[in-house]
Amino acid sequence: MKILSKLFIVAAVSGAFLLTSCTETQRGAALGAGGGAAAGAIIAKDGNEGRGALIGAGVGAGLGALAGKNREQEKRIENLEHDSHPPGYRY
């Protein structure tokens, strides 16, 4: 049991480091796929957990990517608005 808990901690830390180098779209897709897979496996009826996890991962990845893309666009617009003020402009 101790080995599994250590393995889980190593996987969580590694995953956190990998997600720091991703775009918002990629991060959203990865987190959505993980959450969707977990939800799909839990919701699925007995004997169909694998199928539920696959469907949940696909749906979660798609929705997560859309949410991440939306966040990227909002950041881009915010940066454009911030950069459009004349020099010396105070907020």
N, C-alpha and C. Protein backbone atom coordinates (compact mmCIF):
# COMPACT_ATOMS: atom_id res chain seq x y z
N MET A 1 0.82 -1.20 0.00
CA MET A 1 0.00 0.00 0.00
C MET A 1 0.86 1.26 0.00
N LYS A 2 1.98 1.22 0.69
CA LYS A 2 2.86 2.37 0.73
C LYS A 2 3.44 2.66 -0.64
N ILE A 3 3.71 1.62 -1.40
CA ILE A 3 4.27 1.81 -2.74
C ILE A 3 3.25 2.49 -3.64
N LEU A 4 1.99 2.10 -3.54
CA LEU A 4 0.95 2.71 -4.37
C LEU A 4 0.76 4.18 -4.02
N SER A 5 0.81 4.52 -2.74
CA SER A 5 0.64 5.92 -2.37
C SER A 5 1.83 6.75 -2.84
N LYS A 6 3.04 6.21 -2.77
CA LYS A 6 4.21 6.92 -3.28
C LYS A 6 4.14 7.07 -4.79
N LEU A 7 3.69 6.03 -5.47
CA LEU A 7 3.54 6.08 -6.92
C LEU A 7 2.50 7.13 -7.32
N PHE A 8 1.43 7.20 -6.57
CA PHE A 8 0.39 8.21 -6.85
C PHE A 8 0.95 9.62 -6.68
N ILE A 9 1.74 9.84 -5.63
CA ILE A 9 2.33 11.17 -5.40
C ILE A 9 3.30 11.52 -6.52
N VAL A 10 4.11 10.57 -6.95
CA VAL A 10 5.05 10.83 -8.05
C VAL A 10 4.28 11.13 -9.34
N ALA A 11 3.21 10.39 -9.60
CA ALA A 11 2.42 10.63 -10.80
C ALA A 11 1.74 12.00 -10.75
N ALA A 12 1.25 12.39 -9.60
CA ALA A 12 0.58 13.69 -9.46
C ALA A 12 1.57 14.83 -9.67
N VAL A 13 2.74 14.73 -9.07
CA VAL A 13 3.75 15.78 -9.23
C VAL A 13 4.24 15.84 -10.67
N SER A 14 4.47 14.69 -11.28
CA SER A 14 4.90 14.65 -12.68
C SER A 14 3.84 15.26 -13.58
N GLY A 15 2.60 14.93 -13.35
CA GLY A 15 1.51 15.49 -14.14
C GLY A 15 1.42 17.00 -13.99
N ALA A 16 1.64 17.48 -12.78
CA ALA A 16 1.61 18.93 -12.55
C ALA A 16 2.73 19.63 -13.33
N PHE A 17 3.92 19.04 -13.34
CA PHE A 17 5.02 19.63 -14.10
C PHE A 17 4.75 19.60 -15.60
N LEU A 18 4.17 18.52 -16.07
CA LEU A 18 3.87 18.43 -17.51
C LEU A 18 2.82 19.45 -17.93
N LEU A 19 1.83 19.70 -17.08
CA LEU A 19 0.77 20.63 -17.43
C LEU A 19 1.24 22.09 -17.41
N THR A 20 2.34 22.39 -16.76
CA THR A 20 2.79 23.78 -16.72
C THR A 20 3.30 24.25 -18.07
N SER A 21 3.73 23.34 -18.92
CA SER A 21 4.27 23.74 -20.22
C SER A 21 3.21 23.69 -21.32
N CYS A 22 1.96 23.41 -20.98
CA CYS A 22 0.90 23.29 -21.97
C CYS A 22 0.19 24.63 -22.18
N THR A 23 -0.46 24.75 -23.33
CA THR A 23 -1.32 25.89 -23.56
C THR A 23 -2.60 25.68 -22.77
N GLU A 24 -3.42 26.72 -22.68
CA GLU A 24 -4.69 26.59 -21.96
C GLU A 24 -5.58 25.53 -22.62
N THR A 25 -5.56 25.45 -23.94
CA THR A 25 -6.37 24.47 -24.65
C THR A 25 -5.92 23.06 -24.31
N GLN A 26 -4.62 22.84 -24.34
CA GLN A 26 -4.08 21.51 -24.03
C GLN A 26 -4.33 21.14 -22.58
N ARG A 27 -4.15 22.09 -21.68
CA ARG A 27 -4.39 21.84 -20.26
C ARG A 27 -5.86 21.50 -20.01
N GLY A 28 -6.75 22.25 -20.66
CA GLY A 28 -8.18 21.98 -20.51
C GLY A 28 -8.55 20.60 -21.03
N ALA A 29 -7.97 20.23 -22.17
CA ALA A 29 -8.25 18.90 -22.75
C ALA A 29 -7.75 17.79 -21.83
N ALA A 30 -6.56 17.95 -21.28
CA ALA A 30 -6.00 16.93 -20.40
C ALA A 30 -6.80 16.78 -19.12
N LEU A 31 -7.12 17.91 -18.50
CA LEU A 31 -7.90 17.85 -17.26
C LEU A 31 -9.32 17.36 -17.52
N GLY A 32 -9.90 17.78 -18.64
CA GLY A 32 -11.24 17.31 -18.99
C GLY A 32 -11.27 15.82 -19.26
N ALA A 33 -10.23 15.32 -19.93
CA ALA A 33 -10.17 13.89 -20.22
C ALA A 33 -10.05 13.08 -18.93
N GLY A 34 -9.22 13.55 -18.01
CA GLY A 34 -9.07 12.84 -16.74
C GLY A 34 -10.34 12.84 -15.93
N GLY A 35 -10.96 14.00 -15.82
CA GLY A 35 -12.21 14.10 -15.07
C GLY A 35 -13.34 13.34 -15.74
N GLY A 36 -13.40 13.42 -17.06
CA GLY A 36 -14.44 12.70 -17.80
C GLY A 36 -14.28 11.19 -17.69
N ALA A 37 -13.04 10.73 -17.73
CA ALA A 37 -12.80 9.29 -17.60
C ALA A 37 -13.22 8.79 -16.22
N ALA A 38 -12.88 9.56 -15.20
CA ALA A 38 -13.27 9.17 -13.84
C ALA A 38 -14.78 9.16 -13.70
N ALA A 39 -15.43 10.21 -14.19
CA ALA A 39 -16.89 10.29 -14.09
C ALA A 39 -17.55 9.18 -14.90
N GLY A 40 -17.03 8.92 -16.09
CA GLY A 40 -17.61 7.87 -16.93
C GLY A 40 -17.49 6.50 -16.31
N ALA A 41 -16.36 6.22 -15.68
CA ALA A 41 -16.18 4.93 -15.03
C ALA A 41 -17.10 4.78 -13.82
N ILE A 42 -17.33 5.87 -13.10
CA ILE A 42 -18.20 5.81 -11.92
C ILE A 42 -19.66 5.67 -12.34
N ILE A 43 -20.06 6.40 -13.37
CA ILE A 43 -21.46 6.40 -13.80
C ILE A 43 -21.85 5.11 -14.50
N ALA A 44 -20.89 4.47 -15.19
CA ALA A 44 -21.18 3.28 -15.99
C ALA A 44 -21.74 2.15 -15.13
N LYS A 45 -22.57 1.34 -15.75
CA LYS A 45 -23.13 0.18 -15.06
C LYS A 45 -22.06 -0.89 -14.91
N ASP A 46 -22.32 -1.86 -14.04
CA ASP A 46 -21.35 -2.92 -13.77
C ASP A 46 -20.92 -3.62 -15.06
N GLY A 47 -19.61 -3.78 -15.20
CA GLY A 47 -19.06 -4.46 -16.36
C GLY A 47 -18.76 -3.55 -17.53
N ASN A 48 -19.20 -2.31 -17.48
CA ASN A 48 -18.96 -1.38 -18.57
C ASN A 48 -18.12 -0.18 -18.15
N GLU A 49 -17.33 -0.33 -17.11
CA GLU A 49 -16.55 0.80 -16.61
C GLU A 49 -15.54 1.29 -17.64
N GLY A 50 -14.92 0.37 -18.36
CA GLY A 50 -13.94 0.74 -19.38
C GLY A 50 -14.57 1.55 -20.50
N ARG A 51 -15.70 1.10 -20.96
CA ARG A 51 -16.41 1.82 -22.03
C ARG A 51 -16.86 3.20 -21.52
N GLY A 52 -17.36 3.25 -20.30
CA GLY A 52 -17.77 4.52 -19.72
C GLY A 52 -16.61 5.48 -19.57
N ALA A 53 -15.45 4.95 -19.18
CA ALA A 53 -14.26 5.79 -19.04
C ALA A 53 -13.81 6.34 -20.38
N LEU A 54 -13.86 5.51 -21.43
CA LEU A 54 -13.47 5.98 -22.76
C LEU A 54 -14.41 7.06 -23.27
N ILE A 55 -15.69 6.84 -23.12
CA ILE A 55 -16.66 7.85 -23.57
C ILE A 55 -16.50 9.13 -22.76
N GLY A 56 -16.38 8.99 -21.45
CA GLY A 56 -16.20 10.15 -20.59
C GLY A 56 -14.93 10.92 -20.90
N ALA A 57 -13.85 10.20 -21.20
CA ALA A 57 -12.59 10.86 -21.54
C ALA A 57 -12.72 11.65 -22.84
N GLY A 58 -13.40 11.07 -23.82
CA GLY A 58 -13.59 11.77 -25.09
C GLY A 58 -14.43 13.03 -24.94
N VAL A 59 -15.54 12.90 -24.25
CA VAL A 59 -16.42 14.05 -24.04
C VAL A 59 -15.71 15.11 -23.17
N GLY A 60 -15.06 14.66 -22.11
CA GLY A 60 -14.36 15.59 -21.23
C GLY A 60 -13.22 16.32 -21.94
N ALA A 61 -12.49 15.61 -22.79
CA ALA A 61 -11.39 16.24 -23.53
C ALA A 61 -11.92 17.31 -24.47
N GLY A 62 -13.01 17.01 -25.15
CA GLY A 62 -13.59 17.99 -26.06
C GLY A 62 -14.09 19.23 -25.34
N LEU A 63 -14.82 19.02 -24.27
CA LEU A 63 -15.34 20.17 -23.50
C LEU A 63 -14.22 20.95 -22.83
N GLY A 64 -13.22 20.23 -22.32
CA GLY A 64 -12.09 20.90 -21.70
C GLY A 64 -11.28 21.72 -22.69
N ALA A 65 -11.12 21.19 -23.91
CA ALA A 65 -10.40 21.94 -24.95
C ALA A 65 -11.17 23.20 -25.34
N LEU A 66 -12.48 23.09 -25.44
CA LEU A 66 -13.29 24.28 -25.75
C LEU A 66 -13.16 25.33 -24.66
N ALA A 67 -13.21 24.90 -23.42
CA ALA A 67 -13.08 25.84 -22.31
C ALA A 67 -11.68 26.48 -22.30
N GLY A 68 -10.66 25.68 -22.57
CA GLY A 68 -9.30 26.22 -22.61
C GLY A 68 -9.10 27.19 -23.76
N LYS A 69 -9.68 26.89 -24.92
CA LYS A 69 -9.57 27.78 -26.07
C LYS A 69 -10.27 29.12 -25.76
N ASN A 70 -11.42 29.05 -25.10
CA ASN A 70 -12.13 30.26 -24.71
C ASN A 70 -11.28 31.10 -23.76
N ARG A 71 -10.62 30.45 -22.84
CA ARG A 71 -9.77 31.17 -21.88
C ARG A 71 -8.58 31.82 -22.60
N GLU A 72 -8.00 31.12 -23.58
CA GLU A 72 -6.90 31.69 -24.36
C GLU A 72 -7.36 32.95 -25.10
N GLN A 73 -8.55 32.89 -25.70
CA GLN A 73 -9.07 34.04 -26.43
C GLN A 73 -9.33 35.21 -25.49
N GLU A 74 -9.86 34.94 -24.30
CA GLU A 74 -10.09 36.00 -23.33
C GLU A 74 -8.78 36.66 -22.90
N LYS A 75 -7.75 35.86 -22.70
CA LYS A 75 -6.45 36.42 -22.33
C LYS A 75 -5.88 37.26 -23.47
N ARG A 76 -6.05 36.78 -24.71
CA ARG A 76 -5.55 37.52 -25.86
C ARG A 76 -6.25 38.88 -25.97
N ILE A 77 -7.56 38.90 -25.79
CA ILE A 77 -8.32 40.16 -25.84
C ILE A 77 -7.89 41.08 -24.71
N GLU A 78 -7.71 40.52 -23.53
CA GLU A 78 -7.28 41.32 -22.38
C GLU A 78 -5.92 41.96 -22.64
N ASN A 79 -5.00 41.20 -23.24
CA ASN A 79 -3.67 41.74 -23.55
C ASN A 79 -3.75 42.83 -24.60
N LEU A 80 -4.63 42.66 -25.60
CA LEU A 80 -4.78 43.68 -26.63
C LEU A 80 -5.32 44.97 -26.02
N GLU A 81 -6.31 44.85 -25.13
CA GLU A 81 -6.88 46.03 -24.48
C GLU A 81 -5.84 46.71 -23.60
N HIS A 82 -5.04 45.92 -22.93
CA HIS A 82 -4.01 46.48 -22.05
C HIS A 82 -2.94 47.22 -22.85
N ASP A 83 -2.56 46.67 -24.02
CA ASP A 83 -1.51 47.26 -24.83
C ASP A 83 -1.98 48.44 -25.67
N SER A 84 -3.29 48.66 -25.77
CA SER A 84 -3.79 49.72 -26.64
C SER A 84 -3.79 51.10 -26.00
N HIS A 85 -3.49 51.21 -24.73
CA HIS A 85 -3.49 52.50 -24.07
C HIS A 85 -2.21 53.27 -24.41
N PRO A 86 -2.28 54.57 -24.51
CA PRO A 86 -1.10 55.38 -24.85
C PRO A 86 -0.08 55.33 -23.72
N PRO A 87 1.20 55.62 -24.05
CA PRO A 87 2.24 55.63 -23.02
C PRO A 87 1.88 56.63 -21.91
N GLY A 88 2.17 56.26 -20.69
CA GLY A 88 1.88 57.14 -19.57
C GLY A 88 0.46 57.02 -19.05
N TYR A 89 -0.36 56.21 -19.71
CA TYR A 89 -1.75 56.03 -19.27
C TYR A 89 -1.75 55.24 -17.97
N ARG A 90 -2.50 55.74 -17.01
CA ARG A 90 -2.58 55.02 -15.72
C ARG A 90 -3.97 54.43 -15.57
N TYR A 91 -4.01 53.29 -14.91
CA TYR A 91 -5.27 52.58 -14.73
C TYR A 91 -5.97 53.05 -13.49
